[in-house]
Amino acid sequence: WIYNNGIHKFSMALWLMGEERVEKVYSWIDYFSTFMDSPSIIFWKYPKRNDNDPPKFGSMQFTLAPNLYYPSNYYDCDEYM
């Protein structure tokens, strides 16, 4: 799940920040059932372009809640900007 679904979101996070790579990645991944690596949280640090730049971080969380209803007009895994 993280690899298949997350790679699209990771590439979007890089694109939005104008970066091609990250400096460090940290994660905690558990499992809900035999096929879902959820719940999980992943966070990363973007590299500094200049010494005076403040640090920039990103984070992503995956949660599986099969009995939770969200009234919405959109698909439950919408990646559009």
PDB file of N, CA and C in Angstrom:
ATOM      1  N   TRP A   1       0.829  -1.194   0.000  1.00  0.00           N
ATOM      2  CA  TRP A   1       0.000   0.000   0.000  1.00  0.00           C
ATOM      3  C   TRP A   1       0.865   1.245   0.000  1.00  0.00           C
ATOM      4  N   ILE A   2       1.857   1.303   0.875  1.00  0.00           N
ATOM      5  CA  ILE A   2       2.722   2.475   0.938  1.00  0.00           C
ATOM      6  C   ILE A   2       3.469   2.643  -0.376  1.00  0.00           C
ATOM      7  N   TYR A   3       4.044   1.556  -0.884  1.00  0.00           N
ATOM      8  CA  TYR A   3       4.798   1.670  -2.130  1.00  0.00           C
ATOM      9  C   TYR A   3       3.878   2.002  -3.298  1.00  0.00           C
ATOM     10  N   ASN A   4       2.829   1.249  -3.476  1.00  0.00           N
ATOM     11  CA  ASN A   4       1.954   1.413  -4.630  1.00  0.00           C
ATOM     12  C   ASN A   4       1.208   2.740  -4.605  1.00  0.00           C
ATOM     13  N   ASN A   5       0.578   3.073  -3.523  1.00  0.00           N
ATOM     14  CA  ASN A   5      -0.212   4.297  -3.428  1.00  0.00           C
ATOM     15  C   ASN A   5       0.650   5.488  -3.027  1.00  0.00           C
ATOM     16  N   GLY A   6       1.638   5.248  -2.183  1.00  0.00           N
ATOM     17  CA  GLY A   6       2.445   6.340  -1.655  1.00  0.00           C
ATOM     18  C   GLY A   6       3.376   6.976  -2.657  1.00  0.00           C
ATOM     19  N   ILE A   7       3.856   6.219  -3.635  1.00  0.00           N
ATOM     20  CA  ILE A   7       4.826   6.769  -4.577  1.00  0.00           C
ATOM     21  C   ILE A   7       4.244   7.948  -5.353  1.00  0.00           C
ATOM     22  N   HIS A   8       2.957   7.910  -5.649  1.00  0.00           N
ATOM     23  CA  HIS A   8       2.310   9.033  -6.337  1.00  0.00           C
ATOM     24  C   HIS A   8       2.291  10.266  -5.438  1.00  0.00           C
ATOM     25  N   LYS A   9       1.994  10.067  -4.195  1.00  0.00           N
ATOM     26  CA  LYS A   9       1.923  11.195  -3.259  1.00  0.00           C
ATOM     27  C   LYS A   9       3.314  11.729  -2.913  1.00  0.00           C
ATOM     28  N   PHE A  10       4.305  10.845  -2.814  1.00  0.00           N
ATOM     29  CA  PHE A  10       5.673  11.306  -2.570  1.00  0.00           C
ATOM     30  C   PHE A  10       6.168  12.167  -3.724  1.00  0.00           C
ATOM     31  N   SER A  11       5.906  11.740  -4.943  1.00  0.00           N
ATOM     32  CA  SER A  11       6.354  12.531  -6.092  1.00  0.00           C
ATOM     33  C   SER A  11       5.637  13.874  -6.139  1.00  0.00           C
ATOM     34  N   MET A  12       4.381  13.923  -5.717  1.00  0.00           N
ATOM     35  CA  MET A  12       3.658  15.191  -5.668  1.00  0.00           C
ATOM     36  C   MET A  12       4.246  16.109  -4.595  1.00  0.00           C
ATOM     37  N   ALA A  13       4.645  15.542  -3.464  1.00  0.00           N
ATOM     38  CA  ALA A  13       5.258  16.346  -2.400  1.00  0.00           C
ATOM     39  C   ALA A  13       6.576  16.947  -2.864  1.00  0.00           C
ATOM     40  N   LEU A  14       7.359  16.204  -3.609  1.00  0.00           N
ATOM     41  CA  LEU A  14       8.604  16.750  -4.159  1.00  0.00           C
ATOM     42  C   LEU A  14       8.312  17.847  -5.167  1.00  0.00           C
ATOM     43  N   TRP A  15       7.353  17.604  -6.041  1.00  0.00           N
ATOM     44  CA  TRP A  15       7.009  18.581  -7.077  1.00  0.00           C
ATOM     45  C   TRP A  15       6.491  19.884  -6.469  1.00  0.00           C
ATOM     46  N   LEU A  16       5.634  19.789  -5.466  1.00  0.00           N
ATOM     47  CA  LEU A  16       5.080  20.994  -4.839  1.00  0.00           C
ATOM     48  C   LEU A  16       6.155  21.846  -4.173  1.00  0.00           C
ATOM     49  N   MET A  17       7.187  21.214  -3.644  1.00  0.00           N
ATOM     50  CA  MET A  17       8.260  21.943  -2.966  1.00  0.00           C
ATOM     51  C   MET A  17       9.407  22.292  -3.910  1.00  0.00           C
ATOM     52  N   GLY A  18       9.315  21.893  -5.165  1.00  0.00           N
ATOM     53  CA  GLY A  18      10.371  22.192  -6.124  1.00  0.00           C
ATOM     54  C   GLY A  18      11.664  21.447  -5.840  1.00  0.00           C
ATOM     55  N   GLU A  19      11.555  20.251  -5.302  1.00  0.00           N
ATOM     56  CA  GLU A  19      12.734  19.459  -4.937  1.00  0.00           C
ATOM     57  C   GLU A  19      12.801  18.195  -5.788  1.00  0.00           C
ATOM     58  N   GLU A  20      13.998  17.630  -5.891  1.00  0.00           N
ATOM     59  CA  GLU A  20      14.186  16.366  -6.593  1.00  0.00           C
ATOM     60  C   GLU A  20      14.505  15.218  -5.645  1.00  0.00           C
ATOM     61  N   ARG A  21      14.821  15.550  -4.393  1.00  0.00           N
ATOM     62  CA  ARG A  21      15.169  14.512  -3.426  1.00  0.00           C
ATOM     63  C   ARG A  21      14.871  15.021  -2.017  1.00  0.00           C
ATOM     64  N   VAL A  22      14.977  14.128  -1.052  1.00  0.00           N
ATOM     65  CA  VAL A  22      14.865  14.506   0.356  1.00  0.00           C
ATOM     66  C   VAL A  22      16.179  14.159   1.045  1.00  0.00           C
ATOM     67  N   GLU A  23      16.392  14.778   2.193  1.00  0.00           N
ATOM     68  CA  GLU A  23      17.641  14.557   2.930  1.00  0.00           C
ATOM     69  C   GLU A  23      17.543  13.346   3.851  1.00  0.00           C
ATOM     70  N   LYS A  24      16.437  13.230   4.597  1.00  0.00           N
ATOM     71  CA  LYS A  24      16.240  12.133   5.546  1.00  0.00           C
ATOM     72  C   LYS A  24      14.784  11.694   5.518  1.00  0.00           C
ATOM     73  N   VAL A  25      14.555  10.416   5.789  1.00  0.00           N
ATOM     74  CA  VAL A  25      13.197   9.869   5.867  1.00  0.00           C
ATOM     75  C   VAL A  25      13.088   9.037   7.144  1.00  0.00           C
ATOM     76  N   TYR A  26      11.991   9.227   7.867  1.00  0.00           N
ATOM     77  CA  TYR A  26      11.683   8.448   9.059  1.00  0.00           C
ATOM     78  C   TYR A  26      10.276   7.886   8.887  1.00  0.00           C
ATOM     79  N   SER A  27      10.039   6.696   9.425  1.00  0.00           N
ATOM     80  CA  SER A  27       8.685   6.142   9.299  1.00  0.00           C
ATOM     81  C   SER A  27       8.394   5.152  10.420  1.00  0.00           C
ATOM     82  N   TRP A  28       7.119   4.960  10.647  1.00  0.00           N
ATOM     83  CA  TRP A  28       6.601   3.906  11.504  1.00  0.00           C
ATOM     84  C   TRP A  28       5.452   3.283  10.727  1.00  0.00           C
ATOM     85  N   ILE A  29       5.537   1.989  10.499  1.00  0.00           N
ATOM     86  CA  ILE A  29       4.515   1.287   9.718  1.00  0.00           C
ATOM     87  C   ILE A  29       4.094   0.048  10.495  1.00  0.00           C
ATOM     88  N   ASP A  30       2.799  -0.093  10.708  1.00  0.00           N
ATOM     89  CA  ASP A  30       2.227  -1.266  11.357  1.00  0.00           C
ATOM     90  C   ASP A  30       1.322  -1.941  10.329  1.00  0.00           C
ATOM     91  N   TYR A  31       0.520  -2.872  10.737  1.00  0.00           N
ATOM     92  CA  TYR A  31      -0.403  -3.492   9.793  1.00  0.00           C
ATOM     93  C   TYR A  31      -1.749  -3.727  10.454  1.00  0.00           C
ATOM     94  N   PHE A  32      -2.789  -3.595   9.640  1.00  0.00           N
ATOM     95  CA  PHE A  32      -4.167  -3.792  10.098  1.00  0.00           C
ATOM     96  C   PHE A  32      -4.623  -5.204   9.778  1.00  0.00           C
ATOM     97  N   SER A  33      -4.270  -5.666   8.624  1.00  0.00           N
ATOM     98  CA  SER A  33      -4.593  -7.025   8.198  1.00  0.00           C
ATOM     99  C   SER A  33      -3.396  -7.543   7.402  1.00  0.00           C
ATOM    100  N   THR A  34      -3.549  -8.653   6.760  1.00  0.00           N
ATOM    101  CA  THR A  34      -2.406  -9.256   6.076  1.00  0.00           C
ATOM    102  C   THR A  34      -1.967  -8.501   4.830  1.00  0.00           C
ATOM    103  N   PHE A  35      -2.786  -7.600   4.305  1.00  0.00           N
ATOM    104  CA  PHE A  35      -2.419  -6.963   3.042  1.00  0.00           C
ATOM    105  C   PHE A  35      -2.296  -5.444   3.119  1.00  0.00           C
ATOM    106  N   MET A  36      -2.520  -4.837   4.245  1.00  0.00           N
ATOM    107  CA  MET A  36      -2.465  -3.376   4.349  1.00  0.00           C
ATOM    108  C   MET A  36      -1.406  -2.960   5.355  1.00  0.00           C
ATOM    109  N   ASP A  37      -0.432  -2.165   4.920  1.00  0.00           N
ATOM    110  CA  ASP A  37       0.551  -1.635   5.857  1.00  0.00           C
ATOM    111  C   ASP A  37       0.041  -0.304   6.398  1.00  0.00           C
ATOM    112  N   SER A  38      -0.978  -0.423   7.199  1.00  0.00           N
ATOM    113  CA  SER A  38      -1.644   0.731   7.785  1.00  0.00           C
ATOM    114  C   SER A  38      -2.105   0.322   9.180  1.00  0.00           C
ATOM    115  N   PRO A  39      -1.971   1.145  10.176  1.00  0.00           N
ATOM    116  CA  PRO A  39      -1.644   2.564  10.156  1.00  0.00           C
ATOM    117  C   PRO A  39      -0.139   2.783   9.957  1.00  0.00           C
ATOM    118  N   SER A  40       0.184   3.936   9.411  1.00  0.00           N
ATOM    119  CA  SER A  40       1.582   4.298   9.232  1.00  0.00           C
ATOM    120  C   SER A  40       1.717   5.807   9.167  1.00  0.00           C
ATOM    121  N   ILE A  41       2.907   6.266   9.505  1.00  0.00           N
ATOM    122  CA  ILE A  41       3.232   7.683   9.368  1.00  0.00           C
ATOM    123  C   ILE A  41       4.654   7.762   8.826  1.00  0.00           C
ATOM    124  N   ILE A  42       4.839   8.650   7.888  1.00  0.00           N
ATOM    125  CA  ILE A  42       6.136   8.848   7.253  1.00  0.00           C
ATOM    126  C   ILE A  42       6.414  10.342   7.266  1.00  0.00           C
ATOM    127  N   PHE A  43       7.600  10.721   7.654  1.00  0.00           N
ATOM    128  CA  PHE A  43       7.957  12.131   7.574  1.00  0.00           C
ATOM    129  C   PHE A  43       9.388  12.254   7.079  1.00  0.00           C
ATOM    130  N   TRP A  44       9.674  13.372   6.451  1.00  0.00           N
ATOM    131  CA  TRP A  44      10.960  13.566   5.802  1.00  0.00           C
ATOM    132  C   TRP A  44      11.412  15.010   5.922  1.00  0.00           C
ATOM    133  N   LYS A  45      12.703  15.192   5.681  1.00  0.00           N
ATOM    134  CA  LYS A  45      13.309  16.516   5.721  1.00  0.00           C
ATOM    135  C   LYS A  45      13.831  16.845   4.326  1.00  0.00           C
ATOM    136  N   TYR A  46      13.442  18.018   3.840  1.00  0.00           N
ATOM    137  CA  TYR A  46      13.951  18.484   2.556  1.00  0.00           C
ATOM    138  C   TYR A  46      15.342  19.083   2.748  1.00  0.00           C
ATOM    139  N   PRO A  47      16.218  18.993   1.757  1.00  0.00           N
ATOM    140  CA  PRO A  47      17.547  19.599   1.898  1.00  0.00           C
ATOM    141  C   PRO A  47      17.463  21.121   1.854  1.00  0.00           C
ATOM    142  N   LYS A  48      18.413  21.767   2.526  1.00  0.00           N
ATOM    143  CA  LYS A  48      18.490  23.230   2.492  1.00  0.00           C
ATOM    144  C   LYS A  48      19.181  23.663   1.203  1.00  0.00           C
ATOM    145  N   ARG A  49      18.651  24.695   0.580  1.00  0.00           N
ATOM    146  CA  ARG A  49      19.310  25.256  -0.602  1.00  0.00           C
ATOM    147  C   ARG A  49      20.363  26.278  -0.202  1.00  0.00           C
ATOM    148  N   ASN A  50      20.088  27.024   0.872  1.00  0.00           N
ATOM    149  CA  ASN A  50      21.012  28.024   1.398  1.00  0.00           C
ATOM    150  C   ASN A  50      21.145  27.812   2.896  1.00  0.00           C
ATOM    151  N   ASP A  51      22.257  28.253   3.454  1.00  0.00           N
ATOM    152  CA  ASP A  51      22.473  28.098   4.895  1.00  0.00           C
ATOM    153  C   ASP A  51      21.475  28.893   5.727  1.00  0.00           C
ATOM    154  N   ASN A  52      20.925  29.966   5.182  1.00  0.00           N
ATOM    155  CA  ASN A  52      19.982  30.809   5.924  1.00  0.00           C
ATOM    156  C   ASN A  52      18.535  30.334   5.826  1.00  0.00           C
ATOM    157  N   ASP A  53      18.261  29.326   5.013  1.00  0.00           N
ATOM    158  CA  ASP A  53      16.893  28.827   4.861  1.00  0.00           C
ATOM    159  C   ASP A  53      16.445  28.081   6.118  1.00  0.00           C
ATOM    160  N   PRO A  54      15.196  28.265   6.524  1.00  0.00           N
ATOM    161  CA  PRO A  54      14.681  27.457   7.645  1.00  0.00           C
ATOM    162  C   PRO A  54      14.490  26.013   7.183  1.00  0.00           C
ATOM    163  N   PRO A  55      14.494  25.062   8.106  1.00  0.00           N
ATOM    164  CA  PRO A  55      14.283  23.668   7.706  1.00  0.00           C
ATOM    165  C   PRO A  55      12.862  23.457   7.191  1.00  0.00           C
ATOM    166  N   LYS A  56      12.730  22.562   6.203  1.00  0.00           N
ATOM    167  CA  LYS A  56      11.427  22.210   5.635  1.00  0.00           C
ATOM    168  C   LYS A  56      11.207  20.714   5.828  1.00  0.00           C
ATOM    169  N   PHE A  57      10.004  20.371   6.271  1.00  0.00           N
ATOM    170  CA  PHE A  57       9.654  18.982   6.514  1.00  0.00           C
ATOM    171  C   PHE A  57       8.343  18.649   5.808  1.00  0.00           C
ATOM    172  N   GLY A  58       8.145  17.383   5.524  1.00  0.00           N
ATOM    173  CA  GLY A  58       6.889  16.898   4.978  1.00  0.00           C
ATOM    174  C   GLY A  58       6.448  15.682   5.770  1.00  0.00           C
ATOM    175  N   SER A  59       5.153  15.388   5.724  1.00  0.00           N
ATOM    176  CA  SER A  59       4.655  14.200   6.423  1.00  0.00           C
ATOM    177  C   SER A  59       3.479  13.605   5.666  1.00  0.00           C
ATOM    178  N   MET A  60       3.290  12.322   5.867  1.00  0.00           N
ATOM    179  CA  MET A  60       2.191  11.604   5.235  1.00  0.00           C
ATOM    180  C   MET A  60       1.697  10.545   6.210  1.00  0.00           C
ATOM    181  N   GLN A  61       0.394  10.413   6.298  1.00  0.00           N
ATOM    182  CA  GLN A  61      -0.200   9.441   7.211  1.00  0.00           C
ATOM    183  C   GLN A  61      -1.181   8.576   6.436  1.00  0.00           C
ATOM    184  N   PHE A  62      -1.134   7.276   6.668  1.00  0.00           N
ATOM    185  CA  PHE A  62      -2.076   6.340   6.070  1.00  0.00           C
ATOM    186  C   PHE A  62      -2.881   5.697   7.188  1.00  0.00           C
ATOM    187  N   THR A  63      -4.193   5.737   7.059  1.00  0.00           N
ATOM    188  CA  THR A  63      -5.086   5.164   8.057  1.00  0.00           C
ATOM    189  C   THR A  63      -6.145   4.332   7.355  1.00  0.00           C
ATOM    190  N   LEU A  64      -6.437   3.191   7.891  1.00  0.00           N
ATOM    191  CA  LEU A  64      -7.501   2.347   7.365  1.00  0.00           C
ATOM    192  C   LEU A  64      -8.628   2.326   8.382  1.00  0.00           C
ATOM    193  N   ALA A  65      -9.780   2.816   7.984  1.00  0.00           N
ATOM    194  CA  ALA A  65     -10.962   2.834   8.850  1.00  0.00           C
ATOM    195  C   ALA A  65     -12.146   2.330   8.029  1.00  0.00           C
ATOM    196  N   PRO A  66     -12.276   1.021   7.846  1.00  0.00           N
ATOM    197  CA  PRO A  66     -13.279   0.475   6.933  1.00  0.00           C
ATOM    198  C   PRO A  66     -14.726   0.741   7.341  1.00  0.00           C
ATOM    199  N   ASN A  67     -14.997   0.992   8.599  1.00  0.00           N
ATOM    200  CA  ASN A  67     -16.377   1.225   9.036  1.00  0.00           C
ATOM    201  C   ASN A  67     -16.716   2.696   9.219  1.00  0.00           C
ATOM    202  N   LEU A  68     -15.816   3.581   8.825  1.00  0.00           N
ATOM    203  CA  LEU A  68     -16.042   5.012   8.967  1.00  0.00           C
ATOM    204  C   LEU A  68     -16.608   5.572   7.666  1.00  0.00           C
ATOM    205  N   TYR A  69     -17.728   6.267   7.740  1.00  0.00           N
ATOM    206  CA  TYR A  69     -18.396   6.813   6.563  1.00  0.00           C
ATOM    207  C   TYR A  69     -18.062   8.295   6.415  1.00  0.00           C
ATOM    208  N   TYR A  70     -17.574   8.672   5.249  1.00  0.00           N
ATOM    209  CA  TYR A  70     -17.308  10.073   4.912  1.00  0.00           C
ATOM    210  C   TYR A  70     -18.255  10.479   3.790  1.00  0.00           C
ATOM    211  N   PRO A  71     -19.242  11.324   4.046  1.00  0.00           N
ATOM    212  CA  PRO A  71     -20.096  11.786   2.952  1.00  0.00           C
ATOM    213  C   PRO A  71     -19.290  12.732   2.056  1.00  0.00           C
ATOM    214  N   SER A  72     -19.139  12.367   0.797  1.00  0.00           N
ATOM    215  CA  SER A  72     -18.314  13.156  -0.111  1.00  0.00           C
ATOM    216  C   SER A  72     -18.736  12.913  -1.554  1.00  0.00           C
ATOM    217  N   ASN A  73     -18.452  13.866  -2.392  1.00  0.00           N
ATOM    218  CA  ASN A  73     -18.699  13.722  -3.826  1.00  0.00           C
ATOM    219  C   ASN A  73     -17.479  13.170  -4.551  1.00  0.00           C
ATOM    220  N   TYR A  74     -16.426  12.830  -3.817  1.00  0.00           N
ATOM    221  CA  TYR A  74     -15.169  12.436  -4.428  1.00  0.00           C
ATOM    222  C   TYR A  74     -14.801  11.014  -4.053  1.00  0.00           C
ATOM    223  N   TYR A  75     -13.959  10.423  -4.869  1.00  0.00           N
ATOM    224  CA  TYR A  75     -13.426   9.096  -4.611  1.00  0.00           C
ATOM    225  C   TYR A  75     -12.583   9.135  -3.341  1.00  0.00           C
ATOM    226  N   ASP A  76     -12.549   8.063  -2.601  1.00  0.00           N
ATOM    227  CA  ASP A  76     -11.890   8.064  -1.286  1.00  0.00           C
ATOM    228  C   ASP A  76     -10.367   8.163  -1.340  1.00  0.00           C
ATOM    229  N   CYS A  77      -9.781   8.113  -2.497  1.00  0.00           N
ATOM    230  CA  CYS A  77      -8.324   8.248  -2.622  1.00  0.00           C
ATOM    231  C   CYS A  77      -8.037   9.242  -3.741  1.00  0.00           C
ATOM    232  N   ASP A  78      -8.441  10.461  -3.552  1.00  0.00           N
ATOM    233  CA  ASP A  78      -8.324  11.485  -4.584  1.00  0.00           C
ATOM    234  C   ASP A  78      -6.954  12.141  -4.534  1.00  0.00           C
ATOM    235  N   GLU A  79      -6.236  12.177  -5.660  1.00  0.00           N
ATOM    236  CA  GLU A  79      -4.888  12.730  -5.715  1.00  0.00           C
ATOM    237  C   GLU A  79      -4.798  13.971  -6.593  1.00  0.00           C
ATOM    238  N   TYR A  80      -5.897  14.534  -6.987  1.00  0.00           N
ATOM    239  CA  TYR A  80      -5.865  15.642  -7.940  1.00  0.00           C
ATOM    240  C   TYR A  80      -5.569  16.960  -7.259  1.00  0.00           C
ATOM    241  N   MET A  81      -4.969  17.862  -7.996  1.00  0.00           N
ATOM    242  CA  MET A  81      -4.641  19.202  -7.500  1.00  0.00           C
ATOM    243  C   MET A  81      -5.646  20.207  -8.034  1.00  0.00           C
TER     244      MET A  81
END
